Structure formats: C-alpha cells, structure tokens
Amino acid sequence: LLKQGRAKVFRRYPFTIILKDLEVGNCTTHNHQLKIDPGAKTQTLATRRKMRPP
C-alpha cells in the first residue's frame, strides 16, 4: 500500500499507516474489543469480535 501510494505513514512507533483512498462514508466498521491476554508469557494484546445474540 505504501509503495502504491494508497497509504502514508502516520506514526513510526507503534507503526501505523493511514489509508488515503478510503472515505469515511464508504467504510464498514465492526464491533471489536482490544483485550490484554492474561495467559500469555509476554505482554500480548488480542482482538475479540463482539458476537450478536442469535
């Protein structure tokens, strides 16, 4: 994406990019949670998708 010119570097640490060719109205968002994984031997983050009840 960077080489194609579709994104630019927003921050070097933590490395974050911004997509240049997407508009907010065309984006789809999902319900996710960012959690700390307590069972990991090192500091680990996990993403978790919130599921809808059936």
C-alpha atoms as a PDB file:
ATOM      1  CA  LEU A   1       0.000   0.000   0.000  1.00  0.00           C
ATOM      2  CA  LEU A   2       2.852   2.381   0.779  1.00  0.00           C
ATOM      3  CA  LYS A   3       4.682   1.654  -2.488  1.00  0.00           C
ATOM      4  CA  GLN A   4       1.447   2.010  -4.459  1.00  0.00           C
ATOM      5  CA  GLY A   5       0.766   5.417  -2.873  1.00  0.00           C
ATOM      6  CA  ARG A   6      -2.502   4.226  -1.315  1.00  0.00           C
ATOM      7  CA  ALA A   7      -1.289   4.816   2.273  1.00  0.00           C
ATOM      8  CA  LYS A   8       1.091   7.031   4.204  1.00  0.00           C
ATOM      9  CA  VAL A   9       2.967   6.542   7.462  1.00  0.00           C
ATOM     10  CA  PHE A  10       1.110   8.169  10.341  1.00  0.00           C
ATOM     11  CA  ARG A  11       3.418   7.087  13.168  1.00  0.00           C
ATOM     12  CA  ARG A  12       6.673   5.125  13.195  1.00  0.00           C
ATOM     13  CA  TYR A  13       6.265   3.664  16.700  1.00  0.00           C
ATOM     14  CA  PRO A  14       3.944   1.913  17.017  1.00  0.00           C
ATOM     15  CA  PHE A  15       3.972   1.620  13.247  1.00  0.00           C
ATOM     16  CA  THR A  16       0.675   2.995  11.977  1.00  0.00           C
ATOM     17  CA  ILE A  17      -0.470   3.822   8.453  1.00  0.00           C
ATOM     18  CA  ILE A  18      -3.348   5.886   7.110  1.00  0.00           C
ATOM     19  CA  LEU A  19      -5.211   4.768   4.000  1.00  0.00           C
ATOM     20  CA  LYS A  20      -5.521   7.676   1.584  1.00  0.00           C
ATOM     21  CA  ASP A  21      -8.078   6.333  -0.888  1.00  0.00           C
ATOM     22  CA  LEU A  22     -10.918   5.463   1.518  1.00  0.00           C
ATOM     23  CA  GLU A  23     -13.708   7.817   2.532  1.00  0.00           C
ATOM     24  CA  VAL A  24     -15.452   7.532   5.884  1.00  0.00           C
ATOM     25  CA  GLY A  25     -18.853   7.051   4.251  1.00  0.00           C
ATOM     26  CA  ASN A  26     -17.599   4.007   2.308  1.00  0.00           C
ATOM     27  CA  CYS A  27     -16.058   2.211   5.305  1.00  0.00           C
ATOM     28  CA  THR A  28     -17.604  -0.715   7.131  1.00  0.00           C
ATOM     29  CA  THR A  29     -16.969  -0.938  10.858  1.00  0.00           C
ATOM     30  CA  HIS A  30     -17.290  -3.992  13.080  1.00  0.00           C
ATOM     31  CA  ASN A  31     -17.677  -4.310  16.837  1.00  0.00           C
ATOM     32  CA  HIS A  32     -14.306  -5.450  18.184  1.00  0.00           C
ATOM     33  CA  GLN A  33     -12.671  -5.282  21.588  1.00  0.00           C
ATOM     34  CA  LEU A  34      -8.948  -4.917  22.268  1.00  0.00           C
ATOM     35  CA  LYS A  35      -8.044  -7.034  25.286  1.00  0.00           C
ATOM     36  CA  ILE A  36      -4.906  -7.971  27.213  1.00  0.00           C
ATOM     37  CA  ASP A  37      -4.186 -11.714  27.086  1.00  0.00           C
ATOM     38  CA  PRO A  38      -3.548 -12.699  30.743  1.00  0.00           C
ATOM     39  CA  GLY A  39      -2.451 -16.246  29.861  1.00  0.00           C
ATOM     40  CA  ALA A  40       0.445 -15.173  27.649  1.00  0.00           C
ATOM     41  CA  LYS A  41       4.063 -15.381  28.829  1.00  0.00           C
ATOM     42  CA  THR A  42       4.806 -11.964  27.302  1.00  0.00           C
ATOM     43  CA  GLN A  43       2.617  -8.891  27.036  1.00  0.00           C
ATOM     44  CA  THR A  44       0.108  -9.730  24.356  1.00  0.00           C
ATOM     45  CA  LEU A  45      -2.958  -7.966  23.023  1.00  0.00           C
ATOM     46  CA  ALA A  46      -5.840  -9.805  21.438  1.00  0.00           C
ATOM     47  CA  THR A  47      -8.757  -8.556  19.385  1.00  0.00           C
ATOM     48  CA  ARG A  48     -12.145 -10.029  20.057  1.00  0.00           C
ATOM     49  CA  ARG A  49     -15.213  -9.674  17.913  1.00  0.00           C
ATOM     50  CA  LYS A  50     -18.436  -8.966  19.758  1.00  0.00           C
ATOM     51  CA  MET A  51     -20.939 -11.563  18.616  1.00  0.00           C
ATOM     52  CA  ARG A  52     -24.606 -10.759  18.211  1.00  0.00           C
ATOM     53  CA  PRO A  53     -27.062 -12.974  20.063  1.00  0.00           C
ATOM     54  CA  PRO A  54     -28.844 -15.428  17.719  1.00  0.00           C
END
